[in-house]
Amino acid sequence: MTAAMLAVGTFALLTIVLPWINARSRRARRIIHGRPVVIFHGGDPCTDAMNHERVSFADFYAAARQQGIEHLEDVRLAVLEANGQISFFAQDSADDGAPPQPPGG
């Protein structure tokens, strides 16, 4: 019973403390949530970044297919987001996607 209460109390404390830390520290936010990483740029995969982030080419191609991309020549940029998803930006539209930094962040 004591171990269960300790576990519940720990998770409750983390649920309260982590958002508070995220709101006050940019460095902690990067550590806790991560940051986006460019894994494909200008028609070439960034193999060092892909290896560091442990993204295989099979996973990369599968993510491209899921987003309806038939040819990698159509991709200008691919970004591994902090949540693990891959965002693709097409060659012909320079103003698509999210801004590099959120407003006020």
Protein backbone atom coordinates (compact mmCIF):
# COMPACT_ATOMS: atom_id res chain seq x y z
CA MET A 1 0.00 0.00 0.00
CA THR A 2 2.82 2.41 0.84
CA ALA A 3 4.58 1.76 -2.48
CA ALA A 4 1.36 2.43 -4.39
CA MET A 5 0.81 5.72 -2.57
CA LEU A 6 4.42 6.72 -3.24
CA ALA A 7 4.02 5.96 -6.97
CA VAL A 8 0.73 7.89 -7.24
CA GLY A 9 2.18 10.80 -5.29
CA THR A 10 5.27 10.90 -7.51
CA PHE A 11 3.21 10.98 -10.70
CA ALA A 12 0.93 13.65 -9.26
CA LEU A 13 3.90 15.78 -8.30
CA LEU A 14 5.48 15.38 -11.75
CA THR A 15 2.17 16.31 -13.40
CA ILE A 16 2.21 19.59 -11.51
CA VAL A 17 5.94 20.38 -11.52
CA LEU A 18 6.89 19.64 -15.15
CA PRO A 19 4.41 22.09 -16.76
CA TRP A 20 5.49 24.74 -14.25
CA ILE A 21 9.15 24.21 -15.21
CA ASN A 22 8.27 24.21 -18.94
CA ALA A 23 6.55 27.57 -18.60
CA ARG A 24 9.56 29.17 -16.94
CA SER A 25 12.64 27.69 -18.55
CA ARG A 26 13.45 27.46 -22.26
CA ARG A 27 16.40 25.13 -21.55
CA ALA A 28 14.23 22.74 -19.54
CA ARG A 29 11.59 22.80 -22.29
CA ARG A 30 14.19 21.63 -24.82
CA ILE A 31 15.30 18.83 -22.52
CA ILE A 32 11.81 17.66 -21.61
CA HIS A 33 10.09 18.05 -24.98
CA GLY A 34 13.00 17.99 -27.42
CA ARG A 35 13.34 20.15 -30.50
CA PRO A 36 12.74 19.69 -34.22
CA VAL A 37 15.62 18.33 -36.33
CA VAL A 38 16.08 18.70 -40.10
CA ILE A 39 16.59 15.23 -41.58
CA PHE A 40 16.20 16.01 -45.30
CA HIS A 41 17.27 19.22 -47.02
CA GLY A 42 17.71 20.27 -50.63
CA GLY A 43 17.02 16.83 -52.09
CA ASP A 44 19.51 14.98 -49.89
CA PRO A 45 18.96 13.09 -46.63
CA CYS A 46 20.96 14.38 -43.67
CA THR A 47 22.37 10.98 -42.75
CA ASP A 48 24.22 12.22 -39.66
CA ALA A 49 21.02 13.68 -38.20
CA MET A 50 19.03 10.59 -39.19
CA ASN A 51 21.55 8.30 -37.52
CA HIS A 52 21.69 10.47 -34.39
CA GLU A 53 17.89 10.49 -34.12
CA ARG A 54 17.68 6.79 -35.06
CA VAL A 55 15.44 7.35 -38.07
CA SER A 56 15.84 4.63 -40.68
CA PHE A 57 15.35 5.24 -44.38
CA ALA A 58 12.46 2.75 -44.28
CA ASP A 59 10.70 4.86 -41.62
CA PHE A 60 11.43 8.03 -43.60
CA TYR A 61 9.99 6.59 -46.82
CA ALA A 62 6.96 5.22 -44.96
CA ALA A 63 6.23 8.66 -43.48
CA ALA A 64 6.53 10.21 -46.94
CA ARG A 65 4.10 7.69 -48.41
CA GLN A 66 1.63 8.30 -45.58
CA GLN A 67 1.62 11.99 -46.47
CA GLY A 68 1.05 11.26 -50.16
CA ILE A 69 4.58 11.98 -51.40
CA GLU A 70 5.45 9.84 -54.39
CA HIS A 71 8.88 11.22 -55.29
CA LEU A 72 11.50 12.58 -52.91
CA GLU A 73 12.45 15.11 -55.60
CA ASP A 74 9.22 16.89 -54.64
CA VAL A 75 10.48 17.40 -51.07
CA ARG A 76 12.40 20.56 -50.19
CA LEU A 77 12.69 19.90 -46.47
CA ALA A 78 11.75 17.21 -43.96
CA VAL A 79 11.78 17.85 -40.23
CA LEU A 80 11.60 15.32 -37.42
CA GLU A 81 9.31 17.06 -34.95
CA ALA A 82 9.70 16.84 -31.18
CA ASN A 83 6.67 14.52 -31.01
CA GLY A 84 8.30 12.00 -33.40
CA GLN A 85 6.32 12.83 -36.53
CA ILE A 86 8.02 13.87 -39.75
CA SER A 87 6.85 17.06 -41.49
CA PHE A 88 7.48 17.40 -45.22
CA PHE A 89 7.67 20.68 -47.13
CA ALA A 90 7.22 20.66 -50.89
CA GLN A 91 9.56 22.26 -53.43
CA ASP A 92 6.91 24.48 -55.01
CA SER A 93 5.38 26.13 -51.94
CA ALA A 94 7.77 28.19 -49.83
CA ASP A 95 5.09 29.50 -47.46
CA ASP A 96 3.56 26.23 -46.27
CA GLY A 97 3.95 24.76 -42.81
CA ALA A 98 4.41 26.32 -39.44
CA PRO A 99 6.67 29.29 -38.77
CA PRO A 100 10.14 28.41 -37.40
CA GLN A 101 9.32 29.92 -34.00
CA PRO A 102 5.85 30.25 -32.50
CA PRO A 103 4.79 33.83 -31.75
CA GLY A 104 6.03 34.99 -28.38
CA GLY A 105 8.08 31.82 -27.86
